[in-house]
Amino acid sequence: MKRALLAAFIFILPLMGCNGKSSTLQITDPQQSLEATAGSEFTIVLESNPTTGYHWDIVGELDQSVVTLVKNEYVSTSDPNLVGGGGLDVWTFKAIDAGEAQITLGYYPPSNDLVDPQQTQTFTVIVK
């Protein structure tokens, strides 16, 4: 399943660039740090299924002197006729200046109240 999602992402990512630039650096495993150069963009890709009401969101504050959020997009990887099919949350960030930043994303359950995420993923980005 993960291979199919990753393969789908490899084909979908180049189609997502609205401004003519596609991000070339991506990370899907929080155990591996990502190295980026100042001024470049990179993506964090996580499996997601918003039809369940769950959603990914940033936990805490970003170190804006090192990285900033550019955009977040959901990309379906399932058959359009499949009800409840999942996909990928693609978070695009821009490396601003040299340093190290932690980006923590939390997977939140459906709720109208403030709740803690049921799962978190912390990614380390080293900007050179």
N, C-alpha and C. Protein backbone atom coordinates (compact mmCIF):
# COMPACT_ATOMS: atom_id res chain seq x y z
N MET A 1 0.82 -1.20 0.00
CA MET A 1 0.00 0.00 0.00
C MET A 1 0.87 1.27 0.00
N LYS A 2 1.89 1.28 0.88
CA LYS A 2 2.76 2.46 0.94
C LYS A 2 3.51 2.67 -0.37
N ARG A 3 3.92 1.56 -1.01
CA ARG A 3 4.62 1.69 -2.29
C ARG A 3 3.70 2.29 -3.35
N ALA A 4 2.44 1.87 -3.33
CA ALA A 4 1.48 2.40 -4.31
C ALA A 4 1.26 3.89 -4.08
N LEU A 5 1.16 4.32 -2.81
CA LEU A 5 0.97 5.73 -2.52
C LEU A 5 2.20 6.54 -2.93
N LEU A 6 3.37 6.02 -2.63
CA LEU A 6 4.58 6.73 -2.99
C LEU A 6 4.74 6.82 -4.50
N ALA A 7 4.43 5.74 -5.21
CA ALA A 7 4.50 5.75 -6.67
C ALA A 7 3.51 6.77 -7.24
N ALA A 8 2.31 6.81 -6.66
CA ALA A 8 1.31 7.77 -7.12
C ALA A 8 1.80 9.20 -6.88
N PHE A 9 2.45 9.41 -5.74
CA PHE A 9 2.95 10.74 -5.42
C PHE A 9 4.03 11.18 -6.41
N ILE A 10 4.91 10.27 -6.78
CA ILE A 10 5.99 10.61 -7.71
C ILE A 10 5.41 11.10 -9.04
N PHE A 11 4.28 10.54 -9.45
CA PHE A 11 3.66 10.98 -10.70
C PHE A 11 2.80 12.23 -10.52
N ILE A 12 2.26 12.44 -9.32
CA ILE A 12 1.36 13.57 -9.08
C ILE A 12 2.12 14.85 -8.78
N LEU A 13 3.25 14.77 -8.04
CA LEU A 13 3.97 15.96 -7.62
C LEU A 13 4.30 16.91 -8.76
N PRO A 14 4.84 16.45 -9.89
CA PRO A 14 5.16 17.40 -10.97
C PRO A 14 3.92 18.10 -11.52
N LEU A 15 2.76 17.49 -11.39
CA LEU A 15 1.54 18.10 -11.90
C LEU A 15 1.01 19.18 -10.97
N MET A 16 1.47 19.20 -9.72
CA MET A 16 0.94 20.12 -8.73
C MET A 16 1.52 21.52 -8.84
N GLY A 17 2.66 21.70 -9.45
CA GLY A 17 3.31 23.01 -9.48
C GLY A 17 2.50 24.01 -10.27
N CYS A 18 1.84 24.92 -9.59
CA CYS A 18 1.02 25.94 -10.26
C CYS A 18 1.87 27.07 -10.81
N ASN A 19 3.04 27.30 -10.22
CA ASN A 19 3.85 28.43 -10.61
C ASN A 19 4.98 28.03 -11.56
N GLY A 20 4.93 26.82 -12.08
CA GLY A 20 5.96 26.38 -13.00
C GLY A 20 7.17 25.77 -12.31
N LYS A 21 7.31 25.96 -10.98
CA LYS A 21 8.42 25.37 -10.24
C LYS A 21 7.89 24.16 -9.48
N SER A 22 8.60 23.06 -9.53
CA SER A 22 8.21 21.92 -8.71
C SER A 22 9.26 21.72 -7.63
N SER A 23 8.83 21.31 -6.47
CA SER A 23 9.75 21.05 -5.38
C SER A 23 10.49 19.77 -5.69
N THR A 24 11.79 19.76 -5.45
CA THR A 24 12.56 18.57 -5.74
C THR A 24 12.95 17.82 -4.48
N LEU A 25 13.00 18.49 -3.35
CA LEU A 25 13.35 17.84 -2.10
C LEU A 25 12.07 17.43 -1.39
N GLN A 26 12.02 16.17 -0.97
CA GLN A 26 10.85 15.74 -0.22
C GLN A 26 11.27 14.80 0.89
N ILE A 27 10.45 14.75 1.92
CA ILE A 27 10.71 13.85 3.03
C ILE A 27 9.41 13.20 3.45
N THR A 28 9.47 11.92 3.69
CA THR A 28 8.29 11.18 4.14
C THR A 28 8.57 10.45 5.45
N ASP A 29 9.84 10.34 5.82
CA ASP A 29 10.25 9.60 7.00
C ASP A 29 10.81 10.56 8.05
N PRO A 30 10.14 10.71 9.19
CA PRO A 30 10.64 11.64 10.21
C PRO A 30 11.97 11.21 10.84
N GLN A 31 12.40 9.98 10.62
CA GLN A 31 13.67 9.50 11.16
C GLN A 31 14.87 10.05 10.38
N GLN A 32 14.62 10.57 9.18
CA GLN A 32 15.69 11.11 8.35
C GLN A 32 15.57 12.62 8.28
N SER A 33 16.69 13.32 8.48
CA SER A 33 16.65 14.77 8.35
C SER A 33 16.77 15.14 6.88
N LEU A 34 16.32 16.34 6.57
CA LEU A 34 16.37 16.84 5.21
C LEU A 34 17.31 18.03 5.17
N GLU A 35 18.20 18.06 4.21
CA GLU A 35 19.09 19.21 4.03
C GLU A 35 18.62 20.01 2.83
N ALA A 36 18.47 21.31 3.05
CA ALA A 36 18.00 22.20 1.98
C ALA A 36 18.91 23.42 1.93
N THR A 37 18.96 24.05 0.79
CA THR A 37 19.72 25.30 0.68
C THR A 37 18.75 26.47 0.83
N ALA A 38 19.25 27.55 1.40
CA ALA A 38 18.43 28.74 1.59
C ALA A 38 17.83 29.18 0.26
N GLY A 39 16.55 29.46 0.26
CA GLY A 39 15.84 29.88 -0.94
C GLY A 39 15.12 28.77 -1.66
N SER A 40 15.45 27.51 -1.33
CA SER A 40 14.80 26.38 -2.01
C SER A 40 13.51 25.98 -1.29
N GLU A 41 12.68 25.24 -2.00
CA GLU A 41 11.46 24.71 -1.42
C GLU A 41 11.60 23.20 -1.25
N PHE A 42 10.88 22.67 -0.27
CA PHE A 42 10.88 21.23 -0.03
C PHE A 42 9.50 20.82 0.44
N THR A 43 9.20 19.54 0.36
CA THR A 43 7.88 19.06 0.76
C THR A 43 7.99 17.97 1.81
N ILE A 44 6.99 17.93 2.66
CA ILE A 44 6.78 16.83 3.59
C ILE A 44 5.50 16.16 3.13
N VAL A 45 5.55 14.84 2.97
CA VAL A 45 4.41 14.10 2.44
C VAL A 45 3.95 13.08 3.48
N LEU A 46 2.65 13.13 3.81
CA LEU A 46 2.08 12.21 4.79
C LEU A 46 0.80 11.59 4.24
N GLU A 47 0.60 10.32 4.55
CA GLU A 47 -0.66 9.68 4.18
C GLU A 47 -1.79 10.34 4.95
N SER A 48 -2.94 10.49 4.30
CA SER A 48 -4.05 11.19 4.91
C SER A 48 -5.37 10.69 4.33
N ASN A 49 -6.42 10.86 5.11
CA ASN A 49 -7.76 10.53 4.62
C ASN A 49 -8.76 11.48 5.26
N PRO A 50 -8.90 12.69 4.71
CA PRO A 50 -9.79 13.68 5.31
C PRO A 50 -11.27 13.30 5.29
N THR A 51 -11.63 12.29 4.50
CA THR A 51 -13.04 11.87 4.49
C THR A 51 -13.44 11.28 5.83
N THR A 52 -12.47 10.91 6.66
CA THR A 52 -12.76 10.37 7.99
C THR A 52 -12.91 11.49 9.02
N GLY A 53 -12.60 12.71 8.62
CA GLY A 53 -12.65 13.83 9.56
C GLY A 53 -11.30 14.13 10.20
N TYR A 54 -10.35 13.23 10.07
CA TYR A 54 -9.01 13.47 10.59
C TYR A 54 -8.27 14.42 9.66
N HIS A 55 -7.35 15.19 10.22
CA HIS A 55 -6.57 16.11 9.40
C HIS A 55 -5.20 16.37 10.04
N TRP A 56 -4.21 16.66 9.20
CA TRP A 56 -2.88 17.04 9.66
C TRP A 56 -2.83 18.55 9.84
N ASP A 57 -2.11 19.00 10.86
CA ASP A 57 -1.90 20.43 11.07
C ASP A 57 -0.56 20.62 11.78
N ILE A 58 -0.01 21.82 11.68
CA ILE A 58 1.26 22.13 12.33
C ILE A 58 1.02 22.23 13.83
N VAL A 59 1.90 21.59 14.60
CA VAL A 59 1.86 21.65 16.06
C VAL A 59 2.94 22.63 16.50
N GLY A 60 2.56 23.61 17.28
CA GLY A 60 3.54 24.60 17.75
C GLY A 60 3.86 25.62 16.68
N GLU A 61 4.97 26.31 16.89
CA GLU A 61 5.38 27.38 15.99
C GLU A 61 6.57 26.95 15.13
N LEU A 62 6.59 27.42 13.91
CA LEU A 62 7.75 27.22 13.05
C LEU A 62 8.80 28.28 13.37
N ASP A 63 10.06 27.93 13.24
CA ASP A 63 11.12 28.92 13.35
C ASP A 63 11.17 29.65 12.00
N GLN A 64 10.43 30.76 11.92
CA GLN A 64 10.26 31.49 10.65
C GLN A 64 11.56 32.07 10.12
N SER A 65 12.60 32.13 10.94
CA SER A 65 13.88 32.62 10.44
C SER A 65 14.61 31.52 9.65
N VAL A 66 14.14 30.26 9.79
CA VAL A 66 14.76 29.14 9.10
C VAL A 66 13.85 28.58 8.00
N VAL A 67 12.56 28.38 8.30
CA VAL A 67 11.61 27.83 7.33
C VAL A 67 10.26 28.53 7.45
N THR A 68 9.55 28.61 6.32
CA THR A 68 8.19 29.13 6.32
C THR A 68 7.29 28.19 5.52
N LEU A 69 6.02 28.17 5.87
CA LEU A 69 5.05 27.36 5.14
C LEU A 69 4.65 28.10 3.87
N VAL A 70 4.70 27.39 2.74
CA VAL A 70 4.27 27.96 1.47
C VAL A 70 2.82 27.57 1.20
N LYS A 71 2.52 26.25 1.30
CA LYS A 71 1.16 25.78 1.07
C LYS A 71 1.00 24.35 1.57
N ASN A 72 -0.23 23.96 1.72
CA ASN A 72 -0.59 22.59 2.08
C ASN A 72 -1.69 22.16 1.13
N GLU A 73 -1.48 20.98 0.50
CA GLU A 73 -2.47 20.46 -0.45
C GLU A 73 -2.74 19.00 -0.15
N TYR A 74 -3.99 18.60 -0.39
CA TYR A 74 -4.36 17.19 -0.30
C TYR A 74 -4.44 16.66 -1.73
N VAL A 75 -3.82 15.48 -1.96
CA VAL A 75 -3.84 14.86 -3.27
C VAL A 75 -4.43 13.46 -3.11
N SER A 76 -5.57 13.23 -3.73
CA SER A 76 -6.20 11.92 -3.67
C SER A 76 -5.39 10.93 -4.49
N THR A 77 -5.21 9.75 -3.93
CA THR A 77 -4.50 8.69 -4.66
C THR A 77 -5.42 7.50 -4.90
N SER A 78 -6.71 7.68 -4.61
CA SER A 78 -7.64 6.56 -4.80
C SER A 78 -8.51 6.79 -6.03
N ASP A 79 -9.16 5.75 -6.40
CA ASP A 79 -10.10 5.77 -7.51
C ASP A 79 -11.17 6.82 -7.21
N PRO A 80 -11.47 7.71 -8.15
CA PRO A 80 -12.47 8.75 -7.91
C PRO A 80 -13.85 8.20 -7.54
N ASN A 81 -14.13 6.97 -7.91
CA ASN A 81 -15.43 6.37 -7.58
C ASN A 81 -15.44 5.66 -6.23
N LEU A 82 -14.29 5.64 -5.55
CA LEU A 82 -14.18 4.97 -4.26
C LEU A 82 -14.53 5.94 -3.15
N VAL A 83 -15.61 5.66 -2.44
CA VAL A 83 -16.03 6.50 -1.33
C VAL A 83 -15.09 6.23 -0.15
N GLY A 84 -14.58 7.30 0.45
CA GLY A 84 -13.72 7.16 1.62
C GLY A 84 -12.28 6.82 1.30
N GLY A 85 -11.89 6.94 0.04
CA GLY A 85 -10.51 6.64 -0.34
C GLY A 85 -9.56 7.69 0.21
N GLY A 86 -8.33 7.31 0.41
CA GLY A 86 -7.34 8.21 0.99
C GLY A 86 -6.44 8.85 -0.03
N GLY A 87 -5.41 9.48 0.49
CA GLY A 87 -4.45 10.16 -0.37
C GLY A 87 -3.27 10.65 0.42
N LEU A 88 -2.73 11.79 0.00
CA LEU A 88 -1.52 12.34 0.60
C LEU A 88 -1.72 13.81 0.94
N ASP A 89 -1.23 14.19 2.10
CA ASP A 89 -1.13 15.60 2.47
C ASP A 89 0.27 16.03 2.09
N VAL A 90 0.38 17.06 1.26
CA VAL A 90 1.67 17.54 0.79
C VAL A 90 1.88 18.94 1.35
N TRP A 91 2.85 19.06 2.23
CA TRP A 91 3.19 20.32 2.88
C TRP A 91 4.43 20.89 2.20
N THR A 92 4.32 22.08 1.63
CA THR A 92 5.45 22.72 0.96
C THR A 92 5.97 23.85 1.84
N PHE A 93 7.27 23.82 2.08
CA PHE A 93 7.94 24.82 2.90
C PHE A 93 9.05 25.47 2.10
N LYS A 94 9.46 26.65 2.53
CA LYS A 94 10.60 27.33 1.92
C LYS A 94 11.70 27.47 2.96
N ALA A 95 12.92 27.11 2.56
CA ALA A 95 14.09 27.29 3.41
C ALA A 95 14.50 28.76 3.32
N ILE A 96 14.56 29.43 4.46
CA ILE A 96 14.82 30.87 4.47
C ILE A 96 16.30 31.19 4.68
N ASP A 97 16.87 30.70 5.77
CA ASP A 97 18.25 31.03 6.10
C ASP A 97 18.89 29.86 6.84
N ALA A 98 20.20 29.86 6.90
CA ALA A 98 20.94 28.76 7.53
C ALA A 98 20.49 28.53 8.97
N GLY A 99 20.38 27.26 9.31
CA GLY A 99 19.98 26.88 10.66
C GLY A 99 19.31 25.52 10.64
N GLU A 100 18.81 25.12 11.80
CA GLU A 100 18.10 23.86 11.92
C GLU A 100 16.73 24.13 12.50
N ALA A 101 15.71 23.50 11.93
CA ALA A 101 14.34 23.69 12.40
C ALA A 101 13.65 22.34 12.55
N GLN A 102 12.75 22.28 13.50
CA GLN A 102 11.91 21.11 13.69
C GLN A 102 10.51 21.49 13.19
N ILE A 103 9.94 20.62 12.38
CA ILE A 103 8.56 20.81 11.92
C ILE A 103 7.76 19.64 12.47
N THR A 104 6.81 19.95 13.35
CA THR A 104 5.97 18.89 13.94
C THR A 104 4.57 19.02 13.36
N LEU A 105 4.09 17.91 12.81
CA LEU A 105 2.74 17.85 12.27
C LEU A 105 1.94 16.86 13.12
N GLY A 106 0.72 17.24 13.47
CA GLY A 106 -0.14 16.38 14.27
C GLY A 106 -1.34 15.93 13.48
N TYR A 107 -1.77 14.69 13.73
CA TYR A 107 -2.95 14.13 13.06
C TYR A 107 -4.11 14.23 14.04
N TYR A 108 -5.01 15.16 13.77
CA TYR A 108 -6.10 15.49 14.69
C TYR A 108 -7.39 14.76 14.34
N PRO A 109 -8.10 14.27 15.37
CA PRO A 109 -9.39 13.61 15.13
C PRO A 109 -10.47 14.67 14.88
N PRO A 110 -11.58 14.24 14.32
CA PRO A 110 -12.67 15.18 14.11
C PRO A 110 -13.21 15.66 15.46
N SER A 111 -13.33 16.96 15.63
CA SER A 111 -13.84 17.51 16.88
C SER A 111 -14.11 19.00 16.70
N ASN A 112 -15.11 19.49 17.41
CA ASN A 112 -15.37 20.92 17.43
C ASN A 112 -14.64 21.59 18.58
N ASP A 113 -14.03 20.78 19.45
CA ASP A 113 -13.29 21.28 20.59
C ASP A 113 -11.79 21.21 20.32
N LEU A 114 -11.02 21.94 21.12
CA LEU A 114 -9.57 21.84 21.02
C LEU A 114 -9.14 20.51 21.62
N VAL A 115 -8.49 19.70 20.82
CA VAL A 115 -8.03 18.38 21.27
C VAL A 115 -6.57 18.20 20.88
N ASP A 116 -5.92 17.27 21.57
CA ASP A 116 -4.55 16.93 21.22
C ASP A 116 -4.55 16.03 20.00
N PRO A 117 -3.47 16.08 19.22
CA PRO A 117 -3.39 15.17 18.07
C PRO A 117 -3.26 13.73 18.56
N GLN A 118 -3.80 12.80 17.79
CA GLN A 118 -3.67 11.40 18.15
C GLN A 118 -2.29 10.86 17.78
N GLN A 119 -1.61 11.56 16.90
CA GLN A 119 -0.29 11.12 16.45
C GLN A 119 0.47 12.37 16.03
N THR A 120 1.78 12.38 16.23
CA THR A 120 2.61 13.47 15.74
C THR A 120 3.81 12.90 14.98
N GLN A 121 4.29 13.69 14.04
CA GLN A 121 5.50 13.38 13.29
C GLN A 121 6.37 14.62 13.31
N THR A 122 7.59 14.48 13.79
CA THR A 122 8.52 15.63 13.84
C THR A 122 9.64 15.41 12.84
N PHE A 123 9.80 16.40 11.98
CA PHE A 123 10.81 16.35 10.91
C PHE A 123 11.89 17.38 11.21
N THR A 124 13.13 17.03 10.97
CA THR A 124 14.25 17.94 11.16
C THR A 124 14.73 18.42 9.80
N VAL A 125 14.85 19.74 9.67
CA VAL A 125 15.32 20.36 8.42
C VAL A 125 16.57 21.15 8.73
N ILE A 126 17.62 20.88 7.98
CA ILE A 126 18.87 21.61 8.12
C ILE A 126 19.04 22.47 6.87
N VAL A 127 19.06 23.78 7.09
CA VAL A 127 19.20 24.72 5.97
C VAL A 127 20.64 25.21 5.94
N LYS A 128 21.23 25.14 4.76
CA LYS A 128 22.62 25.57 4.57
C LYS A 128 22.69 26.78 3.66
